[in-house]
N, C-alpha and C. Protein backbone atom coordinates (compact mmCIF):
# COMPACT_ATOMS: atom_id res chain seq x y z
N MET A 1 -6.14 -12.75 -20.45
CA MET A 1 -5.83 -12.07 -19.16
C MET A 1 -4.73 -10.99 -19.40
N PHE A 2 -5.01 -9.79 -18.53
CA PHE A 2 -4.36 -8.51 -18.66
C PHE A 2 -3.04 -8.69 -18.10
N SER A 3 -1.91 -8.13 -18.70
CA SER A 3 -0.55 -8.06 -18.11
C SER A 3 -0.14 -6.57 -18.16
N ILE A 4 0.45 -6.32 -17.04
CA ILE A 4 1.17 -4.84 -17.01
C ILE A 4 2.02 -4.34 -18.06
N SER A 5 2.61 -5.37 -18.63
CA SER A 5 3.36 -5.22 -19.87
C SER A 5 2.67 -4.53 -21.02
N GLN A 6 1.50 -4.71 -21.04
CA GLN A 6 0.63 -3.94 -22.18
C GLN A 6 0.46 -2.50 -21.86
N LEU A 7 0.92 -1.99 -20.69
CA LEU A 7 0.81 -0.38 -20.59
C LEU A 7 2.19 0.11 -20.67
N SER A 8 2.20 1.32 -21.26
CA SER A 8 3.35 2.16 -21.49
C SER A 8 3.90 2.76 -20.15
N ASP A 9 4.91 3.36 -19.83
CA ASP A 9 5.23 4.12 -18.73
C ASP A 9 4.39 5.17 -18.58
N ASP A 10 4.15 6.01 -19.51
CA ASP A 10 3.14 7.10 -19.48
C ASP A 10 1.65 6.58 -18.87
N GLN A 11 1.26 5.50 -19.41
CA GLN A 11 -0.08 5.04 -19.08
C GLN A 11 0.09 4.63 -17.53
N LYS A 12 1.07 4.04 -17.21
CA LYS A 12 1.31 3.68 -15.60
C LYS A 12 1.18 5.03 -15.00
N GLN A 13 1.91 5.87 -15.34
CA GLN A 13 1.96 7.13 -14.53
C GLN A 13 0.57 7.74 -14.45
N GLN A 14 -0.11 7.57 -15.44
CA GLN A 14 -1.54 8.21 -15.63
C GLN A 14 -2.32 7.69 -14.54
N ILE A 15 -2.32 6.22 -14.45
CA ILE A 15 -2.98 5.58 -13.40
C ILE A 15 -2.67 5.96 -12.13
N ALA A 16 -1.60 6.21 -11.69
CA ALA A 16 -1.09 6.67 -10.65
C ALA A 16 -1.78 8.14 -10.06
N VAL A 17 -1.76 9.00 -11.16
CA VAL A 17 -2.37 10.42 -11.21
C VAL A 17 -3.71 10.11 -10.80
N TRP A 18 -4.51 9.12 -11.45
CA TRP A 18 -5.91 9.11 -11.04
C TRP A 18 -6.18 8.60 -9.75
N ALA A 19 -5.36 7.67 -9.22
CA ALA A 19 -5.40 7.26 -7.90
C ALA A 19 -5.19 8.27 -6.97
N GLU A 20 -4.16 9.25 -7.17
CA GLU A 20 -3.96 10.43 -6.29
C GLU A 20 -4.93 11.34 -6.12
N ALA A 21 -5.81 11.35 -7.18
CA ALA A 21 -6.90 12.24 -7.53
C ALA A 21 -8.30 11.69 -6.61
N GLY A 22 -8.06 10.40 -6.01
CA GLY A 22 -8.99 9.82 -5.35
C GLY A 22 -9.98 8.81 -6.11
N ALA A 23 -9.30 8.37 -7.46
CA ALA A 23 -10.14 7.49 -8.04
C ALA A 23 -9.94 6.11 -7.24
N GLN A 24 -10.97 5.37 -7.47
CA GLN A 24 -11.10 3.96 -6.72
C GLN A 24 -11.08 2.93 -8.02
N LEU A 25 -10.90 1.67 -7.52
CA LEU A 25 -10.72 0.56 -8.52
C LEU A 25 -11.91 0.62 -9.63
N PRO A 26 -13.19 1.05 -9.47
CA PRO A 26 -14.17 0.85 -10.64
C PRO A 26 -13.75 2.19 -11.48
N ASP A 27 -13.41 3.47 -10.70
CA ASP A 27 -13.21 4.42 -11.55
C ASP A 27 -11.95 4.15 -12.57
N ILE A 28 -10.77 3.63 -12.08
CA ILE A 28 -9.68 3.31 -12.77
C ILE A 28 -9.91 2.49 -13.92
N GLN A 29 -10.67 1.26 -13.69
CA GLN A 29 -11.04 0.40 -14.61
C GLN A 29 -11.82 0.91 -15.62
N LYS A 30 -12.69 1.94 -15.43
CA LYS A 30 -13.49 2.54 -16.34
C LYS A 30 -12.64 3.71 -17.15
N GLN A 31 -11.76 4.22 -16.59
CA GLN A 31 -10.75 5.29 -17.27
C GLN A 31 -9.80 4.45 -18.11
N ILE A 32 -9.43 3.25 -17.66
CA ILE A 32 -8.51 2.56 -18.51
C ILE A 32 -9.08 2.22 -19.97
N LEU A 33 -10.50 1.86 -19.72
CA LEU A 33 -11.18 1.40 -21.07
C LEU A 33 -11.42 2.79 -21.90
N GLU A 34 -11.84 3.88 -21.19
CA GLU A 34 -12.11 5.04 -22.06
C GLU A 34 -10.95 5.61 -22.64
N GLU A 35 -9.52 5.84 -21.94
CA GLU A 35 -8.59 6.51 -22.30
C GLU A 35 -7.73 5.73 -23.00
N PHE A 36 -7.29 4.39 -22.60
CA PHE A 36 -6.56 3.53 -23.28
C PHE A 36 -6.88 2.53 -24.14
N GLU A 37 -8.38 2.55 -24.33
CA GLU A 37 -9.24 1.41 -25.13
C GLU A 37 -8.74 0.13 -24.70
N ILE A 38 -8.61 -0.25 -23.56
CA ILE A 38 -8.15 -1.47 -22.97
C ILE A 38 -9.25 -2.13 -22.23
N GLN A 39 -9.70 -3.19 -22.53
CA GLN A 39 -10.82 -3.75 -21.74
C GLN A 39 -10.19 -4.64 -20.35
N ILE A 40 -10.48 -4.36 -19.26
CA ILE A 40 -9.79 -4.95 -18.24
C ILE A 40 -10.84 -5.23 -16.99
N THR A 41 -10.66 -6.35 -16.45
CA THR A 41 -11.64 -6.84 -15.37
C THR A 41 -11.21 -6.11 -14.05
N TYR A 42 -12.29 -6.19 -13.12
CA TYR A 42 -12.15 -5.46 -11.91
C TYR A 42 -11.00 -6.19 -11.09
N MET A 43 -10.90 -7.53 -11.18
CA MET A 43 -9.79 -8.27 -10.59
C MET A 43 -8.41 -7.88 -11.09
N ASP A 44 -8.22 -7.75 -12.44
CA ASP A 44 -7.15 -7.40 -13.09
C ASP A 44 -6.72 -6.08 -12.65
N THR A 45 -7.75 -5.12 -12.35
CA THR A 45 -7.56 -3.76 -12.19
C THR A 45 -6.95 -3.77 -10.65
N ARG A 46 -7.37 -4.55 -10.00
CA ARG A 46 -7.00 -4.74 -8.41
C ARG A 46 -5.44 -5.31 -8.62
N PHE A 47 -5.25 -6.13 -9.32
CA PHE A 47 -3.94 -6.62 -9.48
C PHE A 47 -2.68 -5.43 -10.13
N LEU A 48 -3.27 -4.84 -10.83
CA LEU A 48 -2.46 -3.80 -11.61
C LEU A 48 -1.98 -2.68 -10.55
N VAL A 49 -3.01 -2.36 -9.84
CA VAL A 49 -2.87 -1.26 -8.82
C VAL A 49 -1.87 -1.81 -7.68
N LEU A 50 -1.79 -3.31 -7.38
CA LEU A 50 -0.82 -3.89 -6.40
C LEU A 50 0.23 -3.89 -7.19
N ASP A 51 0.57 -4.39 -8.30
CA ASP A 51 2.00 -4.44 -9.26
C ASP A 51 2.59 -3.01 -9.27
N LEU A 52 1.74 -2.02 -9.34
CA LEU A 52 2.30 -0.69 -9.56
C LEU A 52 2.74 -0.04 -8.26
N GLY A 53 2.22 -0.59 -7.22
CA GLY A 53 2.50 -0.21 -5.82
C GLY A 53 1.69 1.20 -5.56
N ILE A 54 0.58 1.24 -6.15
CA ILE A 54 -0.36 2.42 -6.04
C ILE A 54 -1.18 2.23 -4.72
N GLU A 55 -1.17 3.09 -3.95
CA GLU A 55 -1.94 2.95 -2.65
C GLU A 55 -3.35 3.94 -3.00
N LEU A 56 -4.21 3.27 -2.77
CA LEU A 56 -5.69 3.95 -3.02
C LEU A 56 -5.96 4.51 -1.69
N VAL A 57 -6.28 5.60 -1.48
CA VAL A 57 -6.69 6.41 -0.31
C VAL A 57 -7.97 7.04 -0.51
N LYS A 58 -8.84 6.67 0.34
CA LYS A 58 -10.24 7.20 0.18
C LYS A 58 -10.22 8.08 1.57
N GLU A 59 -10.60 9.36 1.26
CA GLU A 59 -10.62 10.51 2.34
C GLU A 59 -12.02 10.54 2.52
N VAL A 60 -12.50 10.37 3.85
CA VAL A 60 -13.71 10.92 4.27
C VAL A 60 -13.63 12.08 5.15
N VAL A 61 -14.34 13.17 4.63
CA VAL A 61 -14.40 14.35 5.30
C VAL A 61 -15.71 14.60 6.37
N VAL A 62 -15.33 14.70 7.46
CA VAL A 62 -16.47 15.00 8.44
C VAL A 62 -16.45 16.37 8.91
N GLU A 63 -17.60 17.19 8.39
CA GLU A 63 -17.80 18.64 8.89
C GLU A 63 -18.34 19.05 10.07
N GLU A 64 -17.87 19.72 10.88
CA GLU A 64 -18.54 20.38 11.97
C GLU A 64 -18.28 21.93 11.96
N PRO A 65 -19.26 22.78 12.54
CA PRO A 65 -18.83 24.10 12.44
C PRO A 65 -17.34 24.45 12.77
N GLU A 66 -16.82 25.09 11.96
CA GLU A 66 -15.58 25.69 11.85
C GLU A 66 -14.42 24.32 12.06
N LYS A 67 -14.83 23.31 11.67
CA LYS A 67 -13.77 22.06 11.98
C LYS A 67 -14.15 21.03 10.75
N VAL A 68 -12.88 20.79 10.16
CA VAL A 68 -12.90 19.68 9.11
C VAL A 68 -11.83 18.73 9.47
N GLU A 69 -12.22 17.53 9.50
CA GLU A 69 -11.53 16.50 9.74
C GLU A 69 -11.49 15.24 8.64
N VAL A 70 -10.15 15.00 8.25
CA VAL A 70 -9.80 14.00 7.27
C VAL A 70 -9.69 12.67 8.00
N VAL A 71 -10.20 11.74 7.52
CA VAL A 71 -9.99 10.32 8.15
C VAL A 71 -9.46 9.25 7.16
N LYS A 72 -8.20 8.83 7.28
CA LYS A 72 -7.95 7.74 6.25
C LYS A 72 -8.52 6.55 6.47
N VAL A 73 -9.01 6.10 5.32
CA VAL A 73 -9.62 4.57 5.15
C VAL A 73 -8.68 3.60 4.83
N ALA A 74 -8.50 2.44 5.50
CA ALA A 74 -7.45 1.45 5.16
C ALA A 74 -8.01 1.01 3.66
N THR A 75 -7.02 0.62 2.76
CA THR A 75 -6.97 0.17 1.51
C THR A 75 -6.82 -1.29 1.51
N GLY A 76 -6.15 -1.99 2.59
CA GLY A 76 -6.01 -3.29 2.31
C GLY A 76 -4.61 -3.69 1.72
N PHE A 77 -3.76 -2.52 1.32
CA PHE A 77 -2.41 -2.82 0.64
C PHE A 77 -1.37 -2.57 1.75
N VAL A 78 -0.56 -3.68 2.06
CA VAL A 78 0.63 -3.38 2.90
C VAL A 78 1.66 -3.75 2.41
N ASP A 79 2.74 -2.87 2.48
CA ASP A 79 4.07 -2.94 1.63
C ASP A 79 5.03 -3.01 2.91
N ALA A 80 6.31 -3.64 2.51
CA ALA A 80 7.36 -3.79 3.50
C ALA A 80 8.87 -3.87 2.71
N THR A 81 9.76 -3.20 3.07
CA THR A 81 10.91 -3.33 2.57
C THR A 81 12.00 -3.89 3.68
N VAL A 82 13.23 -4.47 2.99
CA VAL A 82 14.26 -4.92 3.92
C VAL A 82 15.45 -3.95 3.45
N ASP A 83 16.05 -3.48 4.95
CA ASP A 83 17.28 -2.68 4.68
C ASP A 83 18.28 -3.45 4.17
N GLU A 84 19.32 -2.46 3.35
CA GLU A 84 20.36 -3.26 2.89
C GLU A 84 21.56 -3.32 3.95
N ILE A 85 21.61 -2.47 4.98
CA ILE A 85 22.52 -2.58 5.92
C ILE A 85 21.51 -2.51 7.32
N GLU A 86 21.34 -3.66 7.96
CA GLU A 86 20.51 -3.98 9.15
C GLU A 86 21.02 -2.99 10.32
N ARG A 87 20.15 -2.56 11.12
CA ARG A 87 20.23 -1.64 12.22
C ARG A 87 21.15 -2.46 13.30
N LEU A 88 21.85 -1.82 14.10
CA LEU A 88 22.45 -2.29 15.26
C LEU A 88 21.49 -3.19 16.15
N GLY A 89 22.18 -4.48 16.30
CA GLY A 89 21.25 -5.40 17.22
C GLY A 89 20.25 -6.16 16.47
N ALA A 90 20.13 -5.92 15.07
CA ALA A 90 19.17 -6.77 14.19
C ALA A 90 19.70 -7.67 13.27
N LEU A 91 19.16 -8.92 13.16
CA LEU A 91 19.69 -9.94 12.20
C LEU A 91 19.00 -9.20 10.91
N LYS A 92 17.72 -8.66 10.96
CA LYS A 92 17.13 -8.29 9.74
C LYS A 92 16.41 -7.15 10.08
N SER A 93 16.13 -6.02 9.22
CA SER A 93 15.46 -4.89 9.62
C SER A 93 14.79 -4.25 8.22
N GLY A 94 13.89 -3.26 8.38
CA GLY A 94 13.36 -2.69 7.44
C GLY A 94 12.09 -1.66 7.85
N SER A 95 11.49 -1.40 6.70
CA SER A 95 9.99 -0.60 6.93
C SER A 95 8.91 -1.22 6.57
N VAL A 96 7.99 -0.78 7.20
CA VAL A 96 6.45 -1.35 6.56
C VAL A 96 5.66 -0.08 6.58
N THR A 97 4.82 -0.16 5.65
CA THR A 97 3.51 0.72 5.46
C THR A 97 2.40 0.02 5.51
N PHE A 98 1.47 0.32 6.48
CA PHE A 98 0.32 -0.37 6.63
C PHE A 98 -0.86 0.11 5.82
N SER A 99 -2.10 -0.62 5.66
CA SER A 99 -3.09 -0.10 4.74
C SER A 99 -3.73 1.22 5.14
N ASP A 100 -3.60 1.65 6.26
CA ASP A 100 -4.01 2.96 6.58
C ASP A 100 -3.21 4.13 6.51
N GLY A 101 -1.92 3.70 5.98
CA GLY A 101 -0.83 4.64 5.54
C GLY A 101 0.17 4.99 6.64
N GLU A 102 -0.09 4.29 7.90
CA GLU A 102 0.89 4.43 9.04
C GLU A 102 2.17 3.65 8.60
N LYS A 103 3.18 4.57 8.73
CA LYS A 103 4.63 3.82 8.50
C LYS A 103 5.28 3.51 9.90
N ALA A 104 6.12 2.41 9.87
CA ALA A 104 6.57 1.78 11.10
C ALA A 104 7.95 1.07 10.56
N LEU A 105 9.16 1.18 11.50
CA LEU A 105 10.19 0.46 11.30
C LEU A 105 10.14 -0.85 11.88
N TRP A 106 10.67 -1.94 11.38
CA TRP A 106 10.72 -3.50 11.96
C TRP A 106 12.00 -3.81 12.01
N MET A 107 12.27 -4.84 13.01
CA MET A 107 13.40 -5.69 13.10
C MET A 107 13.17 -6.87 13.72
N ILE A 108 14.15 -7.96 13.27
CA ILE A 108 14.03 -9.19 13.92
C ILE A 108 15.40 -9.16 14.81
N ASP A 109 15.40 -9.50 16.11
CA ASP A 109 16.59 -9.42 16.74
C ASP A 109 17.35 -10.72 16.81
N GLN A 110 18.43 -10.84 17.75
CA GLN A 110 19.33 -11.92 17.70
C GLN A 110 18.62 -13.35 17.98
N GLU A 111 17.24 -13.03 19.01
CA GLU A 111 16.70 -14.45 19.35
C GLU A 111 15.53 -14.46 18.41
N GLY A 112 15.50 -13.90 17.45
CA GLY A 112 14.37 -14.24 16.28
C GLY A 112 13.14 -13.57 16.71
N ARG A 113 13.01 -12.53 17.60
CA ARG A 113 11.84 -11.85 17.81
C ARG A 113 11.63 -10.61 16.86
N LEU A 114 10.44 -10.56 16.57
CA LEU A 114 9.89 -9.44 15.64
C LEU A 114 9.55 -8.26 16.33
N SER A 115 9.97 -7.02 16.04
CA SER A 115 9.28 -5.87 16.74
C SER A 115 9.18 -4.86 15.67
N ILE A 116 8.07 -4.01 15.92
CA ILE A 116 7.65 -2.93 15.08
C ILE A 116 7.47 -1.62 15.77
N ASP A 117 7.94 -0.77 15.19
CA ASP A 117 8.17 0.59 15.81
C ASP A 117 7.33 1.76 15.07
N ALA A 118 6.07 1.82 15.21
CA ALA A 118 5.32 2.94 14.39
C ALA A 118 5.74 4.35 14.61
N ASP A 119 5.57 5.10 13.75
CA ASP A 119 5.79 6.57 13.72
C ASP A 119 4.84 7.23 14.85
N THR A 120 3.64 6.79 14.91
CA THR A 120 2.85 7.31 15.84
C THR A 120 2.84 6.50 17.12
N PRO A 121 3.20 7.31 18.26
CA PRO A 121 3.23 6.46 19.49
C PRO A 121 2.04 5.82 19.96
N GLY A 122 2.05 4.66 20.35
CA GLY A 122 0.72 4.01 20.79
C GLY A 122 -0.05 3.34 19.53
N TYR A 123 0.48 3.57 18.18
CA TYR A 123 -0.16 3.08 17.09
C TYR A 123 -0.28 1.47 17.17
N GLN A 124 -1.61 0.81 17.01
CA GLN A 124 -1.49 -0.60 16.89
C GLN A 124 -2.22 -0.91 15.53
N ALA A 125 -1.38 -1.62 14.85
CA ALA A 125 -2.03 -2.13 13.46
C ALA A 125 -3.06 -3.13 13.58
N GLU A 126 -4.01 -3.08 12.57
CA GLU A 126 -5.04 -3.96 12.51
C GLU A 126 -4.59 -5.46 12.39
N GLU A 127 -5.27 -6.63 12.87
CA GLU A 127 -4.68 -7.91 12.83
C GLU A 127 -4.55 -8.35 11.44
N GLU A 128 -5.34 -8.00 10.77
CA GLU A 128 -5.27 -8.40 9.07
C GLU A 128 -4.22 -7.65 8.42
N ASP A 129 -3.72 -6.52 8.90
CA ASP A 129 -2.46 -5.75 8.27
C ASP A 129 -1.24 -6.56 8.71
N LEU A 130 -1.33 -6.95 10.11
CA LEU A 130 -0.13 -7.72 10.58
C LEU A 130 -0.01 -8.83 10.03
N ILE A 131 -1.01 -9.85 9.70
CA ILE A 131 -0.90 -10.87 8.93
C ILE A 131 -0.49 -10.78 7.58
N LYS A 132 -0.91 -9.60 6.70
CA LYS A 132 -0.31 -9.29 5.57
C LYS A 132 1.07 -8.92 5.57
N PHE A 133 1.56 -8.24 6.60
CA PHE A 133 2.94 -7.78 6.80
C PHE A 133 3.74 -9.02 7.11
N GLN A 134 3.19 -9.84 7.74
CA GLN A 134 3.98 -11.02 8.13
C GLN A 134 4.29 -11.90 6.80
N GLU A 135 3.25 -12.08 5.96
CA GLU A 135 3.32 -12.81 4.83
C GLU A 135 4.23 -12.10 3.86
N LYS A 136 4.29 -10.90 3.67
CA LYS A 136 5.26 -10.08 2.83
C LYS A 136 6.66 -10.40 3.37
N LEU A 137 6.66 -10.17 4.63
CA LEU A 137 8.09 -10.24 5.30
C LEU A 137 8.58 -11.65 4.87
N ARG A 138 7.75 -12.85 4.98
CA ARG A 138 8.13 -14.10 4.67
C ARG A 138 8.75 -14.21 3.40
N ASP A 139 8.01 -13.60 2.43
CA ASP A 139 8.26 -13.65 0.96
C ASP A 139 9.76 -12.86 0.67
N LEU A 140 9.83 -11.76 1.18
CA LEU A 140 11.06 -10.90 1.29
C LEU A 140 12.26 -11.56 1.63
N LEU A 141 12.19 -12.44 2.81
CA LEU A 141 13.23 -13.08 3.47
C LEU A 141 13.51 -14.51 2.83
N THR A 142 12.80 -14.97 2.16
CA THR A 142 13.18 -16.29 1.55
C THR A 142 13.59 -16.16 0.25
């Protein structure tokens, strides 16, 4: 089984560069084999990307005459943090980044209610993302 400790800091940075350039999991797996001569499974590649906190973004370009639109595609990776100093009126607070790249602030109020305030007005996270966020939050708070 592969362990992240098998990689140097330079190798970890190189993987992040590949991801920023648009490489997806199969591409990263192939490049690790070719560049680092390390055989790694697809699943281990997925875990590696998650452990490194790398967000894979697949951009889809839709072209129309004189118009180019870039659409973000969800990666399935949701990340959350807890504030060191809670916001006013909160028992706990922090931030979350959903799989489509949308960022939001969250807080649990004095009555135990969770609220999420996204950067984009009217944003509604996918149900799967909300479940992953709640699981991540549970892990962070226990």
